[in-house]
Amino acid sequence: MPKAAAPSPPLSPDGPASYEAALQELEALVGRIEAGQLPLEEMLAGYQRGAQLLQFCRSRLEAVQGQIQLLDEGALKPWTVE
């Protein structure tokens, strides 16, 4: 009888603490999916979690981009040497 694969840790249902944490979790998840280490049901759950993490990262990047745009529109002055 073939040896059963070690169970993979459950996916965290909580939101990530930061962009970096989300990116790290997403990279680890992609690695596990690509390595074929997940049973079909867990692969589907992993894909869904990956989509959530990707959306989280995109929203954080869009928020930062918006803040930079606000700064560029008037709060920042060009740097000049006096």
Protein backbone atom coordinates (compact mmCIF):
# COMPACT_ATOMS: atom_id res chain seq x y z
CA MET A 1 0.00 0.00 0.00
CA PRO A 2 1.48 3.45 -0.93
CA LYS A 3 2.56 5.74 1.82
CA ALA A 4 0.09 8.60 2.43
CA ALA A 5 1.35 12.11 1.89
CA ALA A 6 1.84 14.22 4.96
CA PRO A 7 -1.15 16.47 5.57
CA SER A 8 -0.55 20.05 4.57
CA PRO A 9 -1.17 22.81 7.08
CA PRO A 10 -4.60 24.41 6.82
CA LEU A 11 -4.93 27.69 5.01
CA SER A 12 -5.30 30.67 7.30
CA PRO A 13 -8.83 32.10 7.05
CA ASP A 14 -7.61 35.37 8.54
CA GLY A 15 -6.55 38.29 6.45
CA PRO A 16 -2.82 38.87 6.14
CA ALA A 17 -1.17 41.28 8.54
CA SER A 18 0.66 43.14 5.79
CA TYR A 19 1.46 43.22 2.09
CA GLU A 20 4.71 41.41 2.78
CA ALA A 21 2.95 38.68 4.78
CA ALA A 22 0.39 38.21 2.00
CA LEU A 23 3.10 38.02 -0.64
CA GLN A 24 5.08 35.49 1.39
CA GLU A 25 2.00 33.31 1.93
CA LEU A 26 1.09 33.57 -1.75
CA GLU A 27 4.59 32.56 -2.87
CA ALA A 28 4.58 29.56 -0.51
CA LEU A 29 1.12 28.54 -1.70
CA VAL A 30 2.10 28.76 -5.36
CA GLY A 31 5.18 26.67 -4.63
CA ARG A 32 3.09 23.95 -2.99
CA ILE A 33 0.55 23.94 -5.82
CA GLU A 34 3.25 23.82 -8.50
CA ALA A 35 5.05 21.02 -6.67
CA GLY A 36 1.87 18.95 -6.71
CA GLN A 37 1.92 18.57 -2.93
CA LEU A 38 -1.80 19.20 -2.43
CA PRO A 39 -4.75 16.85 -2.84
CA LEU A 40 -7.38 18.08 -5.30
CA GLU A 41 -9.70 19.56 -2.65
CA GLU A 42 -6.84 21.42 -0.97
CA MET A 43 -5.60 22.60 -4.35
CA LEU A 44 -8.97 24.21 -5.01
CA ALA A 45 -8.98 25.81 -1.56
CA GLY A 46 -5.40 26.96 -2.19
CA TYR A 47 -6.39 28.51 -5.49
CA GLN A 48 -9.23 30.37 -3.78
CA ARG A 49 -6.91 31.57 -0.99
CA GLY A 50 -4.38 32.62 -3.61
CA ALA A 51 -7.02 34.71 -5.36
CA GLN A 52 -7.86 36.40 -2.04
CA LEU A 53 -4.20 37.11 -1.34
CA LEU A 54 -3.69 38.47 -4.84
CA GLN A 55 -6.66 40.81 -4.43
CA PHE A 56 -5.31 41.95 -1.05
CA CYS A 57 -1.89 42.70 -2.59
CA ARG A 58 -3.45 44.55 -5.52
CA SER A 59 -5.61 46.68 -3.23
CA ARG A 60 -2.59 47.59 -1.08
CA LEU A 61 -0.57 48.54 -4.16
CA GLU A 62 -3.46 50.65 -5.51
CA ALA A 63 -3.74 52.43 -2.14
CA VAL A 64 -0.03 53.24 -2.13
CA GLN A 65 -0.22 54.38 -5.75
CA GLY A 66 -3.09 56.71 -4.81
CA GLN A 67 -1.09 58.18 -1.95
CA ILE A 68 1.90 58.77 -4.21
CA GLN A 69 -0.33 60.41 -6.80
CA LEU A 70 -1.72 62.78 -4.15
CA LEU A 71 1.79 63.71 -3.12
CA ASP A 72 2.83 64.26 -6.73
CA GLU A 73 -0.13 66.56 -7.34
CA GLY A 74 1.09 69.32 -5.10
CA ALA A 75 2.44 68.31 -1.75
CA LEU A 76 5.88 67.50 -3.14
CA LYS A 77 8.09 70.12 -4.70
CA PRO A 78 10.87 69.29 -7.14
CA TRP A 79 14.20 68.92 -5.39
CA THR A 80 16.72 71.54 -6.39
CA VAL A 81 20.25 72.23 -5.27
CA GLU A 82 20.60 75.74 -3.87
